[in-house]
Amino acid sequence: MRAIGLFIKALLLLAIAMLGAMFALDNKQSLSVEFVIFSGPEMSLGLWLIMFLMTGAILGIVASGLIISSYRRKLTRLKKGINKV
């Protein structure tokens, strides 16, 4: 049963990657994004959008991981306090 779930997840991931690649290839307009300090290289619009999406996803995972780890530490402390009583 676990193998079927992994297979479905892999297929879903592959479909999303293919959709992203098609999106990047379809948006061929070149543009350069200007940040506060520097100007980015000139790349296609689709590539910029996918890069910003991936950056946001990674930052979201890191932020939620930090919150989860703090809750786990609190839970561990509370469990130790209950075991003392």
Protein backbone atom coordinates (compact mmCIF):
# COMPACT_ATOMS: atom_id res chain seq x y z
CA MET A 1 0.00 0.00 0.00
CA ARG A 2 2.88 2.33 0.80
CA ALA A 3 4.43 1.70 -2.62
CA ILE A 4 1.21 2.79 -4.33
CA GLY A 5 1.20 6.02 -2.34
CA LEU A 6 4.82 6.72 -3.24
CA PHE A 7 4.08 5.98 -6.90
CA ILE A 8 1.13 8.38 -6.92
CA LYS A 9 3.23 11.09 -5.25
CA ALA A 10 6.01 10.59 -7.80
CA LEU A 11 3.51 10.85 -10.67
CA LEU A 12 2.02 14.00 -9.18
CA LEU A 13 5.48 15.53 -8.73
CA LEU A 14 6.39 14.66 -12.31
CA ALA A 15 3.16 16.19 -13.62
CA ILE A 16 3.79 19.41 -11.67
CA ALA A 17 7.38 19.57 -12.95
CA MET A 18 6.21 19.07 -16.53
CA LEU A 19 3.56 21.75 -16.10
CA GLY A 20 6.19 24.15 -14.75
CA ALA A 21 8.53 23.39 -17.63
CA MET A 22 5.75 23.99 -20.15
CA PHE A 23 4.91 27.25 -18.40
CA ALA A 24 8.53 28.40 -18.50
CA LEU A 25 8.90 27.50 -22.16
CA ASP A 26 5.66 29.26 -23.09
CA ASN A 27 6.63 32.58 -21.43
CA LYS A 28 9.65 33.53 -23.52
CA GLN A 29 9.53 37.28 -22.94
CA SER A 30 12.89 38.45 -21.60
CA LEU A 31 13.04 40.77 -18.65
CA SER A 32 15.46 41.89 -16.00
CA VAL A 33 14.25 42.21 -12.40
CA GLU A 34 15.65 45.11 -10.41
CA PHE A 35 16.19 44.41 -6.75
CA VAL A 36 17.02 47.01 -4.09
CA ILE A 37 20.79 46.56 -4.32
CA PHE A 38 21.38 45.08 -7.78
CA SER A 39 19.74 44.21 -11.05
CA GLY A 40 19.19 40.57 -11.94
CA PRO A 41 20.24 38.99 -15.22
CA GLU A 42 17.93 39.09 -18.20
CA MET A 43 15.97 35.82 -18.33
CA SER A 44 12.56 34.67 -19.52
CA LEU A 45 9.48 35.63 -17.56
CA GLY A 46 8.53 32.01 -16.91
CA LEU A 47 11.93 31.24 -15.45
CA TRP A 48 11.76 34.25 -13.13
CA LEU A 49 8.31 33.25 -11.93
CA ILE A 50 9.34 29.66 -11.27
CA MET A 51 12.47 30.81 -9.40
CA PHE A 52 10.43 33.13 -7.18
CA LEU A 53 7.87 30.39 -6.56
CA MET A 54 10.57 27.92 -5.53
CA THR A 55 12.28 30.52 -3.32
CA GLY A 56 8.99 31.24 -1.56
CA ALA A 57 8.27 27.55 -1.09
CA ILE A 58 11.72 26.93 0.42
CA LEU A 59 11.40 29.94 2.74
CA GLY A 60 7.97 28.71 3.83
CA ILE A 61 9.32 25.25 4.60
CA VAL A 62 12.21 26.71 6.61
CA ALA A 63 9.90 29.06 8.57
CA SER A 64 7.41 26.32 9.39
CA GLY A 65 10.27 23.98 10.33
CA LEU A 66 11.53 26.52 12.86
CA ILE A 67 8.07 26.87 14.38
CA ILE A 68 7.57 23.10 14.52
CA SER A 69 10.95 22.58 16.20
CA SER A 70 10.12 25.15 18.88
CA TYR A 71 6.80 23.40 19.56
CA ARG A 72 8.58 20.04 19.79
CA ARG A 73 11.02 21.45 22.36
CA LYS A 74 8.11 22.83 24.39
CA LEU A 75 6.33 19.46 24.18
CA THR A 76 9.47 17.65 25.33
CA ARG A 77 9.83 20.01 28.30
CA LEU A 78 6.19 19.52 29.24
CA LYS A 79 6.49 15.73 29.01
CA LYS A 80 9.53 15.82 31.29
CA GLY A 81 7.56 17.96 33.76
CA ILE A 82 4.66 15.49 33.75
CA ASN A 83 7.00 12.52 34.30
CA LYS A 84 8.50 14.23 37.39
CA VAL A 85 5.08 14.51 39.01
